């Protein structure tokens, strides 16, 4: 598999995390249990911060792209950012927030 595919995958995941910043991610069973208020699997832990397998999404300060993959990955990201969503480029949604 070309390394550019791995770099692109990592970059897209960073974009998703940036869009979802402030929300939780982690083991799907734990995240769903927290979202549904069903914490029977760990009855003594009620706060998100007490679940070691749950984290909060943070803003993306930049992309981790090796130099050899930079041209192709950034070309894709530029296409993504230029894509129009509800009358404005996707990139504007990311920089302006939701």
PDB file of N, CA and C in Angstrom:
ATOM      1  N   UNK A   1       0.852  -1.173   0.000  1.00  0.00           N
ATOM      2  CA  UNK A   1       0.000   0.000   0.000  1.00  0.00           C
ATOM      3  C   UNK A   1       0.902   1.242   0.000  1.00  0.00           C
ATOM      4  N   UNK A   2       0.618   2.190  -0.869  1.00  0.00           N
ATOM      5  CA  UNK A   2       1.417   3.420  -0.884  1.00  0.00           C
ATOM      6  C   UNK A   2       1.273   4.182   0.437  1.00  0.00           C
ATOM      7  N   UNK A   3       2.371   4.754   0.897  1.00  0.00           N
ATOM      8  CA  UNK A   3       2.324   5.491   2.168  1.00  0.00           C
ATOM      9  C   UNK A   3       1.373   6.679   2.099  1.00  0.00           C
ATOM     10  N   UNK A   4       1.125   7.212   0.906  1.00  0.00           N
ATOM     11  CA  UNK A   4       0.204   8.350   0.777  1.00  0.00           C
ATOM     12  C   UNK A   4      -1.199   7.982   1.251  1.00  0.00           C
ATOM     13  N   UNK A   5      -1.610   6.713   1.089  1.00  0.00           N
ATOM     14  CA  UNK A   5      -2.930   6.284   1.572  1.00  0.00           C
ATOM     15  C   UNK A   5      -2.989   6.365   3.099  1.00  0.00           C
ATOM     16  N   UNK A   6      -1.927   5.942   3.757  1.00  0.00           N
ATOM     17  CA  UNK A   6      -1.884   6.011   5.223  1.00  0.00           C
ATOM     18  C   UNK A   6      -1.857   7.458   5.697  1.00  0.00           C
ATOM     19  N   UNK A   7      -1.095   8.279   5.012  1.00  0.00           N
ATOM     20  CA  UNK A   7      -1.033   9.701   5.366  1.00  0.00           C
ATOM     21  C   UNK A   7      -2.384  10.377   5.154  1.00  0.00           C
ATOM     22  N   UNK A   8      -3.052  10.036   4.052  1.00  0.00           N
ATOM     23  CA  UNK A   8      -4.371  10.607   3.775  1.00  0.00           C
ATOM     24  C   UNK A   8      -5.378  10.158   4.829  1.00  0.00           C
ATOM     25  N   UNK A   9      -5.349   8.888   5.191  1.00  0.00           N
ATOM     26  CA  UNK A   9      -6.241   8.379   6.218  1.00  0.00           C
ATOM     27  C   UNK A   9      -6.039   9.128   7.528  1.00  0.00           C
ATOM     28  N   UNK A  10      -4.797   9.302   7.925  1.00  0.00           N
ATOM     29  CA  UNK A  10      -4.486  10.028   9.152  1.00  0.00           C
ATOM     30  C   UNK A  10      -4.983  11.472   9.086  1.00  0.00           C
ATOM     31  N   UNK A  11      -4.789  12.105   7.942  1.00  0.00           N
ATOM     32  CA  UNK A  11      -5.206  13.491   7.765  1.00  0.00           C
ATOM     33  C   UNK A  11      -6.727  13.626   7.830  1.00  0.00           C
ATOM     34  N   UNK A  12      -7.448  12.729   7.183  1.00  0.00           N
ATOM     35  CA  UNK A  12      -8.914  12.773   7.218  1.00  0.00           C
ATOM     36  C   UNK A  12      -9.417  12.546   8.645  1.00  0.00           C
ATOM     37  N   UNK A  13      -8.774  11.645   9.370  1.00  0.00           N
ATOM     38  CA  UNK A  13      -9.166  11.422  10.768  1.00  0.00           C
ATOM     39  C   UNK A  13      -8.919  12.686  11.601  1.00  0.00           C
ATOM     40  N   UNK A  14      -7.855  13.418  11.311  1.00  0.00           N
ATOM     41  CA  UNK A  14      -7.596  14.676  12.003  1.00  0.00           C
ATOM     42  C   UNK A  14      -8.678  15.710  11.678  1.00  0.00           C
ATOM     43  N   UNK A  15      -9.134  15.742  10.429  1.00  0.00           N
ATOM     44  CA  UNK A  15     -10.212  16.657  10.043  1.00  0.00           C
ATOM     45  C   UNK A  15     -11.490  16.293  10.800  1.00  0.00           C
ATOM     46  N   UNK A  16     -11.814  15.016  10.870  1.00  0.00           N
ATOM     47  CA  UNK A  16     -13.007  14.557  11.593  1.00  0.00           C
ATOM     48  C   UNK A  16     -12.912  14.947  13.067  1.00  0.00           C
ATOM     49  N   UNK A  17     -11.752  14.714  13.667  1.00  0.00           N
ATOM     50  CA  UNK A  17     -11.577  15.075  15.073  1.00  0.00           C
ATOM     51  C   UNK A  17     -11.722  16.583  15.270  1.00  0.00           C
ATOM     52  N   UNK A  18     -11.193  17.366  14.344  1.00  0.00           N
ATOM     53  CA  UNK A  18     -11.301  18.818  14.446  1.00  0.00           C
ATOM     54  C   UNK A  18     -12.765  19.262  14.380  1.00  0.00           C
ATOM     55  N   UNK A  19     -13.520  18.675  13.467  1.00  0.00           N
ATOM     56  CA  UNK A  19     -14.944  19.006  13.333  1.00  0.00           C
ATOM     57  C   UNK A  19     -15.702  18.650  14.610  1.00  0.00           C
ATOM     58  N   UNK A  20     -15.304  17.560  15.234  1.00  0.00           N
ATOM     59  CA  UNK A  20     -16.012  17.035  16.403  1.00  0.00           C
ATOM     60  C   UNK A  20     -15.401  17.508  17.720  1.00  0.00           C
ATOM     61  N   UNK A  21     -14.557  18.520  17.691  1.00  0.00           N
ATOM     62  CA  UNK A  21     -13.839  18.914  18.898  1.00  0.00           C
ATOM     63  C   UNK A  21     -14.766  19.189  20.071  1.00  0.00           C
ATOM     64  N   UNK A  22     -14.308  18.744  21.225  1.00  0.00           N
ATOM     65  CA  UNK A  22     -15.076  18.899  22.456  1.00  0.00           C
ATOM     66  C   UNK A  22     -15.940  17.707  22.776  1.00  0.00           C
ATOM     67  N   UNK A  23     -16.227  16.878  21.776  1.00  0.00           N
ATOM     68  CA  UNK A  23     -17.044  15.687  22.008  1.00  0.00           C
ATOM     69  C   UNK A  23     -16.146  14.502  22.342  1.00  0.00           C
ATOM     70  N   UNK A  24     -16.766  13.423  22.822  1.00  0.00           N
ATOM     71  CA  UNK A  24     -15.988  12.272  23.271  1.00  0.00           C
ATOM     72  C   UNK A  24     -15.766  11.264  22.155  1.00  0.00           C
ATOM     73  N   UNK A  25     -14.672  10.506  22.282  1.00  0.00           N
ATOM     74  CA  UNK A  25     -14.366   9.410  21.368  1.00  0.00           C
ATOM     75  C   UNK A  25     -13.639   8.343  22.168  1.00  0.00           C
ATOM     76  N   UNK A  26     -13.649   7.146  21.634  1.00  0.00           N
ATOM     77  CA  UNK A  26     -12.958   6.038  22.296  1.00  0.00           C
ATOM     78  C   UNK A  26     -13.633   4.727  21.964  1.00  0.00           C
ATOM     79  N   UNK A  27     -13.568   3.788  22.895  1.00  0.00           N
ATOM     80  CA  UNK A  27     -14.205   2.489  22.721  1.00  0.00           C
ATOM     81  C   UNK A  27     -15.704   2.700  22.515  1.00  0.00           C
ATOM     82  N   UNK A  28     -16.238   2.153  21.415  1.00  0.00           N
ATOM     83  CA  UNK A  28     -17.632   2.410  21.065  1.00  0.00           C
ATOM     84  C   UNK A  28     -18.602   1.994  22.174  1.00  0.00           C
ATOM     85  N   UNK A  29     -18.371   0.867  22.824  1.00  0.00           N
ATOM     86  CA  UNK A  29     -19.268   0.431  23.905  1.00  0.00           C
ATOM     87  C   UNK A  29     -19.315   1.449  25.032  1.00  0.00           C
ATOM     88  N   UNK A  30     -18.171   1.978  25.411  1.00  0.00           N
ATOM     89  CA  UNK A  30     -18.114   2.957  26.486  1.00  0.00           C
ATOM     90  C   UNK A  30     -18.745   4.277  26.068  1.00  0.00           C
ATOM     91  N   UNK A  31     -18.444   4.731  24.854  1.00  0.00           N
ATOM     92  CA  UNK A  31     -19.010   5.987  24.367  1.00  0.00           C
ATOM     93  C   UNK A  31     -20.529   5.890  24.307  1.00  0.00           C
ATOM     94  N   UNK A  32     -21.046   4.796  23.749  1.00  0.00           N
ATOM     95  CA  UNK A  32     -22.498   4.627  23.671  1.00  0.00           C
ATOM     96  C   UNK A  32     -23.121   4.535  25.054  1.00  0.00           C
ATOM     97  N   UNK A  33     -22.472   3.841  25.979  1.00  0.00           N
ATOM     98  CA  UNK A  33     -22.985   3.744  27.351  1.00  0.00           C
ATOM     99  C   UNK A  33     -23.060   5.129  27.990  1.00  0.00           C
ATOM    100  N   UNK A  34     -22.043   5.940  27.786  1.00  0.00           N
ATOM    101  CA  UNK A  34     -22.061   7.298  28.335  1.00  0.00           C
ATOM    102  C   UNK A  34     -23.139   8.150  27.679  1.00  0.00           C
ATOM    103  N   UNK A  35     -23.273   8.036  26.349  1.00  0.00           N
ATOM    104  CA  UNK A  35     -24.262   8.834  25.637  1.00  0.00           C
ATOM    105  C   UNK A  35     -25.684   8.468  26.052  1.00  0.00           C
ATOM    106  N   UNK A  36     -25.894   7.187  26.355  1.00  0.00           N
ATOM    107  CA  UNK A  36     -27.223   6.718  26.746  1.00  0.00           C
ATOM    108  C   UNK A  36     -27.450   6.807  28.247  1.00  0.00           C
ATOM    109  N   UNK A  37     -26.408   7.193  28.982  1.00  0.00           N
ATOM    110  CA  UNK A  37     -26.536   7.265  30.433  1.00  0.00           C
ATOM    111  C   UNK A  37     -26.545   5.893  31.077  1.00  0.00           C
ATOM    112  N   UNK A  38     -26.091   4.898  30.347  1.00  0.00           N
ATOM    113  CA  UNK A  38     -26.085   3.523  30.839  1.00  0.00           C
ATOM    114  C   UNK A  38     -24.654   3.156  31.228  1.00  0.00           C
ATOM    115  N   UNK A  39     -24.324   3.290  32.476  1.00  0.00           N
ATOM    116  CA  UNK A  39     -22.965   3.012  32.930  1.00  0.00           C
ATOM    117  C   UNK A  39     -22.924   1.778  33.822  1.00  0.00           C
ATOM    118  N   UNK A  40     -23.782   0.804  33.518  1.00  0.00           N
ATOM    119  CA  UNK A  40     -23.852  -0.414  34.341  1.00  0.00           C
ATOM    120  C   UNK A  40     -22.551  -1.194  34.344  1.00  0.00           C
ATOM    121  N   UNK A  41     -21.790  -1.113  33.246  1.00  0.00           N
ATOM    122  CA  UNK A  41     -20.555  -1.882  33.182  1.00  0.00           C
ATOM    123  C   UNK A  41     -19.518  -1.358  34.178  1.00  0.00           C
ATOM    124  N   UNK A  42     -19.615  -0.093  34.538  1.00  0.00           N
ATOM    125  CA  UNK A  42     -18.693   0.498  35.505  1.00  0.00           C
ATOM    126  C   UNK A  42     -19.511   1.408  36.425  1.00  0.00           C
ATOM    127  N   UNK A  43     -20.301   0.846  37.335  1.00  0.00           N
ATOM    128  CA  UNK A  43     -21.242   1.641  38.118  1.00  0.00           C
ATOM    129  C   UNK A  43     -20.605   2.693  39.015  1.00  0.00           C
ATOM    130  N   UNK A  44     -19.333   2.526  39.385  1.00  0.00           N
ATOM    131  CA  UNK A  44     -18.715   3.508  40.272  1.00  0.00           C
ATOM    132  C   UNK A  44     -18.140   4.689  39.508  1.00  0.00           C
ATOM    133  N   UNK A  45     -18.135   4.626  38.185  1.00  0.00           N
ATOM    134  CA  UNK A  45     -17.580   5.710  37.362  1.00  0.00           C
ATOM    135  C   UNK A  45     -18.709   6.393  36.611  1.00  0.00           C
ATOM    136  N   UNK A  46     -18.957   7.646  36.944  1.00  0.00           N
ATOM    137  CA  UNK A  46     -20.063   8.338  36.296  1.00  0.00           C
ATOM    138  C   UNK A  46     -19.625   9.512  35.435  1.00  0.00           C
ATOM    139  N   UNK A  47     -18.437  10.032  35.615  1.00  0.00           N
ATOM    140  CA  UNK A  47     -17.976  11.178  34.829  1.00  0.00           C
ATOM    141  C   UNK A  47     -17.106  10.716  33.673  1.00  0.00           C
ATOM    142  N   UNK A  48     -17.187  11.427  32.554  1.00  0.00           N
ATOM    143  CA  UNK A  48     -16.388  11.088  31.379  1.00  0.00           C
ATOM    144  C   UNK A  48     -14.909  11.042  31.733  1.00  0.00           C
ATOM    145  N   UNK A  49     -14.449  11.988  32.525  1.00  0.00           N
ATOM    146  CA  UNK A  49     -13.024  12.061  32.855  1.00  0.00           C
ATOM    147  C   UNK A  49     -12.542  10.838  33.621  1.00  0.00           C
ATOM    148  N   UNK A  50     -13.443  10.078  34.219  1.00  0.00           N
ATOM    149  CA  UNK A  50     -13.045   8.894  34.974  1.00  0.00           C
ATOM    150  C   UNK A  50     -12.897   7.661  34.089  1.00  0.00           C
ATOM    151  N   UNK A  51     -13.336   7.724  32.849  1.00  0.00           N
ATOM    152  CA  UNK A  51     -13.198   6.593  31.925  1.00  0.00           C
ATOM    153  C   UNK A  51     -11.882   6.742  31.180  1.00  0.00           C
ATOM    154  N   UNK A  52     -10.932   5.873  31.456  1.00  0.00           N
ATOM    155  CA  UNK A  52      -9.617   5.999  30.833  1.00  0.00           C
ATOM    156  C   UNK A  52      -9.655   5.727  29.336  1.00  0.00           C
ATOM    157  N   UNK A  53     -10.684   5.022  28.850  1.00  0.00           N
ATOM    158  CA  UNK A  53     -10.738   4.702  27.429  1.00  0.00           C
ATOM    159  C   UNK A  53     -11.568   5.708  26.626  1.00  0.00           C
ATOM    160  N   UNK A  54     -11.981   6.805  27.254  1.00  0.00           N
ATOM    161  CA  UNK A  54     -12.747   7.849  26.575  1.00  0.00           C
ATOM    162  C   UNK A  54     -11.936   9.140  26.613  1.00  0.00           C
ATOM    163  N   UNK A  55     -11.911   9.840  25.482  1.00  0.00           N
ATOM    164  CA  UNK A  55     -11.143  11.073  25.363  1.00  0.00           C
ATOM    165  C   UNK A  55     -12.005  12.150  24.730  1.00  0.00           C
ATOM    166  N   UNK A  56     -11.573  13.393  24.805  1.00  0.00           N
ATOM    167  CA  UNK A  56     -12.267  14.499  24.144  1.00  0.00           C
ATOM    168  C   UNK A  56     -11.506  14.881  22.882  1.00  0.00           C
ATOM    169  N   UNK A  57     -12.243  15.147  21.803  1.00  0.00           N
ATOM    170  CA  UNK A  57     -11.620  15.591  20.549  1.00  0.00           C
ATOM    171  C   UNK A  57     -11.082  17.004  20.723  1.00  0.00           C
ATOM    172  N   UNK A  58      -9.917  17.244  20.154  1.00  0.00           N
ATOM    173  CA  UNK A  58      -9.254  18.549  20.262  1.00  0.00           C
ATOM    174  C   UNK A  58      -9.130  19.197  18.890  1.00  0.00           C
ATOM    175  N   UNK A  59      -8.943  20.522  18.841  1.00  0.00           N
ATOM    176  CA  UNK A  59      -8.729  21.171  17.546  1.00  0.00           C
ATOM    177  C   UNK A  59      -7.459  20.642  16.888  1.00  0.00           C
ATOM    178  N   UNK A  60      -7.444  20.640  15.585  1.00  0.00           N
ATOM    179  CA  UNK A  60      -6.288  20.151  14.825  1.00  0.00           C
ATOM    180  C   UNK A  60      -5.380  21.332  14.488  1.00  0.00           C
ATOM    181  N   UNK A  61      -4.178  21.384  15.088  1.00  0.00           N
ATOM    182  CA  UNK A  61      -3.287  22.509  14.800  1.00  0.00           C
ATOM    183  C   UNK A  61      -2.571  22.390  13.456  1.00  0.00           C
ATOM    184  N   UNK A  62      -2.566  21.221  12.873  1.00  0.00           N
ATOM    185  CA  UNK A  62      -1.884  20.992  11.601  1.00  0.00           C
ATOM    186  C   UNK A  62      -1.924  19.514  11.268  1.00  0.00           C
ATOM    187  N   UNK A  63      -1.422  19.162  10.118  1.00  0.00           N
ATOM    188  CA  UNK A  63      -1.456  17.772   9.679  1.00  0.00           C
ATOM    189  C   UNK A  63      -0.079  17.133   9.773  1.00  0.00           C
ATOM    190  N   UNK A  64      -0.063  15.879  10.161  1.00  0.00           N
ATOM    191  CA  UNK A  64       1.176  15.108  10.231  1.00  0.00           C
ATOM    192  C   UNK A  64       1.340  14.350   8.922  1.00  0.00           C
ATOM    193  N   UNK A  65       2.051  14.948   7.994  1.00  0.00           N
ATOM    194  CA  UNK A  65       2.220  14.363   6.663  1.00  0.00           C
ATOM    195  C   UNK A  65       3.713  14.281   6.356  1.00  0.00           C
ATOM    196  N   UNK A  66       4.221  13.089   6.041  1.00  0.00           N
ATOM    197  CA  UNK A  66       5.630  12.994   5.660  1.00  0.00           C
ATOM    198  C   UNK A  66       5.874  13.771   4.360  1.00  0.00           C
ATOM    199  N   UNK A  67       7.058  14.332   4.196  1.00  0.00           N
ATOM    200  CA  UNK A  67       7.354  15.146   3.010  1.00  0.00           C
ATOM    201  C   UNK A  67       7.059  14.448   1.685  1.00  0.00           C
ATOM    202  N   UNK A  68       7.296  13.141   1.606  1.00  0.00           N
ATOM    203  CA  UNK A  68       7.086  12.432   0.339  1.00  0.00           C
ATOM    204  C   UNK A  68       5.599  12.300  -0.030  1.00  0.00           C
ATOM    205  N   UNK A  69       4.703  12.479   0.942  1.00  0.00           N
ATOM    206  CA  UNK A  69       3.266  12.360   0.682  1.00  0.00           C
ATOM    207  C   UNK A  69       2.557  13.711   0.647  1.00  0.00           C
ATOM    208  N   UNK A  70       3.278  14.745   0.983  1.00  0.00           N
ATOM    209  CA  UNK A  70       2.665  16.061   1.163  1.00  0.00           C
ATOM    210  C   UNK A  70       1.902  16.549  -0.068  1.00  0.00           C
ATOM    211  N   UNK A  71       2.486  16.458  -1.248  1.00  0.00           N
ATOM    212  CA  UNK A  71       1.856  16.992  -2.462  1.00  0.00           C
ATOM    213  C   UNK A  71       0.505  16.326  -2.734  1.00  0.00           C
ATOM    214  N   UNK A  72       0.445  14.997  -2.719  1.00  0.00           N
ATOM    215  CA  UNK A  72      -0.802  14.305  -3.049  1.00  0.00           C
ATOM    216  C   UNK A  72      -1.856  14.468  -1.955  1.00  0.00           C
ATOM    217  N   UNK A  73      -1.444  14.415  -0.693  1.00  0.00           N
ATOM    218  CA  UNK A  73      -2.410  14.542   0.404  1.00  0.00           C
ATOM    219  C   UNK A  73      -2.968  15.957   0.461  1.00  0.00           C
ATOM    220  N   UNK A  74      -2.116  16.956   0.335  1.00  0.00           N
ATOM    221  CA  UNK A  74      -2.601  18.340   0.376  1.00  0.00           C
ATOM    222  C   UNK A  74      -3.487  18.679  -0.815  1.00  0.00           C
ATOM    223  N   UNK A  75      -3.229  18.048  -1.958  1.00  0.00           N
ATOM    224  CA  UNK A  75      -4.106  18.240  -3.121  1.00  0.00           C
ATOM    225  C   UNK A  75      -5.510  17.714  -2.816  1.00  0.00           C
ATOM    226  N   UNK A  76      -5.593  16.555  -2.173  1.00  0.00           N
ATOM    227  CA  UNK A  76      -6.895  16.004  -1.794  1.00  0.00           C
ATOM    228  C   UNK A  76      -7.584  16.905  -0.769  1.00  0.00           C
ATOM    229  N   UNK A  77      -6.828  17.334   0.250  1.00  0.00           N
ATOM    230  CA  UNK A  77      -7.410  18.175   1.293  1.00  0.00           C
ATOM    231  C   UNK A  77      -7.906  19.494   0.707  1.00  0.00           C
ATOM    232  N   UNK A  78      -7.176  20.052  -0.243  1.00  0.00           N
ATOM    233  CA  UNK A  78      -7.627  21.289  -0.892  1.00  0.00           C
ATOM    234  C   UNK A  78      -8.942  21.061  -1.629  1.00  0.00           C
ATOM    235  N   UNK A  79      -9.059  19.921  -2.307  1.00  0.00           N
ATOM    236  CA  UNK A  79     -10.314  19.566  -2.982  1.00  0.00           C
ATOM    237  C   UNK A  79     -11.444  19.452  -1.971  1.00  0.00           C
ATOM    238  N   UNK A  80     -11.171  18.817  -0.845  1.00  0.00           N
ATOM    239  CA  UNK A  80     -12.170  18.676   0.220  1.00  0.00           C
ATOM    240  C   UNK A  80     -12.576  20.045   0.758  1.00  0.00           C
ATOM    241  N   UNK A  81     -11.603  20.894   1.035  1.00  0.00           N
ATOM    242  CA  UNK A  81     -11.896  22.220   1.587  1.00  0.00           C
ATOM    243  C   UNK A  81     -12.645  23.105   0.601  1.00  0.00           C
ATOM    244  N   UNK A  82     -12.437  22.907  -0.694  1.00  0.00           N
ATOM    245  CA  UNK A  82     -13.131  23.688  -1.721  1.00  0.00           C
ATOM    246  C   UNK A  82     -14.556  23.190  -1.981  1.00  0.00           C
ATOM    247  N   UNK A  83     -14.873  21.973  -1.559  1.00  0.00           N
ATOM    248  CA  UNK A  83     -16.175  21.361  -1.794  1.00  0.00           C
ATOM    249  C   UNK A  83     -17.254  22.202  -1.119  1.00  0.00           C
ATOM    250  N   UNK A  84     -18.283  22.553  -1.865  1.00  0.00           N
ATOM    251  CA  UNK A  84     -19.327  23.432  -1.349  1.00  0.00           C
ATOM    252  C   UNK A  84     -20.361  22.647  -0.543  1.00  0.00           C
ATOM    253  N   UNK A  85     -20.625  23.135   0.662  1.00  0.00           N
ATOM    254  CA  UNK A  85     -21.616  22.536   1.559  1.00  0.00           C
ATOM    255  C   UNK A  85     -22.545  23.652   2.018  1.00  0.00           C
ATOM    256  N   UNK A  86     -23.804  23.537   1.683  1.00  0.00           N
ATOM    257  CA  UNK A  86     -24.825  24.523   2.058  1.00  0.00           C
ATOM    258  C   UNK A  86     -24.396  25.956   1.720  1.00  0.00           C
ATOM    259  N   UNK A  87     -23.856  26.117   0.515  1.00  0.00           N
ATOM    260  CA  UNK A  87     -23.559  27.444   0.015  1.00  0.00           C
ATOM    261  C   UNK A  87     -22.201  28.021   0.359  1.00  0.00           C
ATOM    262  N   UNK A  88     -21.380  27.272   1.080  1.00  0.00           N
ATOM    263  CA  UNK A  88     -20.029  27.775   1.347  1.00  0.00           C
ATOM    264  C   UNK A  88     -19.035  26.625   1.368  1.00  0.00           C
ATOM    265  N   UNK A  89     -17.767  26.917   1.114  1.00  0.00           N
ATOM    266  CA  UNK A  89     -16.765  25.848   1.058  1.00  0.00           C
ATOM    267  C   UNK A  89     -16.628  25.131   2.402  1.00  0.00           C
ATOM    268  N   UNK A  90     -16.391  23.831   2.322  1.00  0.00           N
ATOM    269  CA  UNK A  90     -16.211  23.011   3.517  1.00  0.00           C
ATOM    270  C   UNK A  90     -15.125  23.594   4.427  1.00  0.00           C
ATOM    271  N   UNK A  91     -14.058  24.102   3.857  1.00  0.00           N
ATOM    272  CA  UNK A  91     -12.979  24.710   4.629  1.00  0.00           C
ATOM    273  C   UNK A  91     -13.448  25.865   5.502  1.00  0.00           C
ATOM    274  N   UNK A  92     -14.438  26.615   5.031  1.00  0.00           N
ATOM    275  CA  UNK A  92     -14.985  27.717   5.829  1.00  0.00           C
ATOM    276  C   UNK A  92     -15.759  27.182   7.027  1.00  0.00           C
ATOM    277  N   UNK A  93     -16.429  26.050   6.848  1.00  0.00           N
ATOM    278  CA  UNK A  93     -17.159  25.433   7.965  1.00  0.00           C
ATOM    279  C   UNK A  93     -16.180  25.030   9.066  1.00  0.00           C
ATOM    280  N   UNK A  94     -15.031  24.521   8.645  1.00  0.00           N
ATOM    281  CA  UNK A  94     -14.048  24.065   9.625  1.00  0.00           C
ATOM    282  C   UNK A  94     -13.440  25.234  10.379  1.00  0.00           C
ATOM    283  N   UNK A  95     -13.080  26.299   9.686  1.00  0.00           N
ATOM    284  CA  UNK A  95     -12.436  27.425  10.355  1.00  0.00           C
ATOM    285  C   UNK A  95     -13.414  28.276  11.150  1.00  0.00           C
ATOM    286  N   UNK A  96     -14.682  28.284  10.726  1.00  0.00           N
ATOM    287  CA  UNK A  96     -15.692  29.097  11.420  1.00  0.00           C
ATOM    288  C   UNK A  96     -16.376  28.328  12.518  1.00  0.00           C
ATOM    289  N   UNK A  97     -16.202  27.024  12.574  1.00  0.00           N
ATOM    290  CA  UNK A  97     -16.919  26.209  13.539  1.00  0.00           C
ATOM    291  C   UNK A  97     -18.237  25.757  12.967  1.00  0.00           C
ATOM    292  N   UNK A  98     -19.023  25.126  13.786  1.00  0.00           N
ATOM    293  CA  UNK A  98     -20.300  24.581  13.318  1.00  0.00           C
ATOM    294  C   UNK A  98     -21.340  25.666  13.226  1.00  0.00           C
TER     295      UNK A  98
END
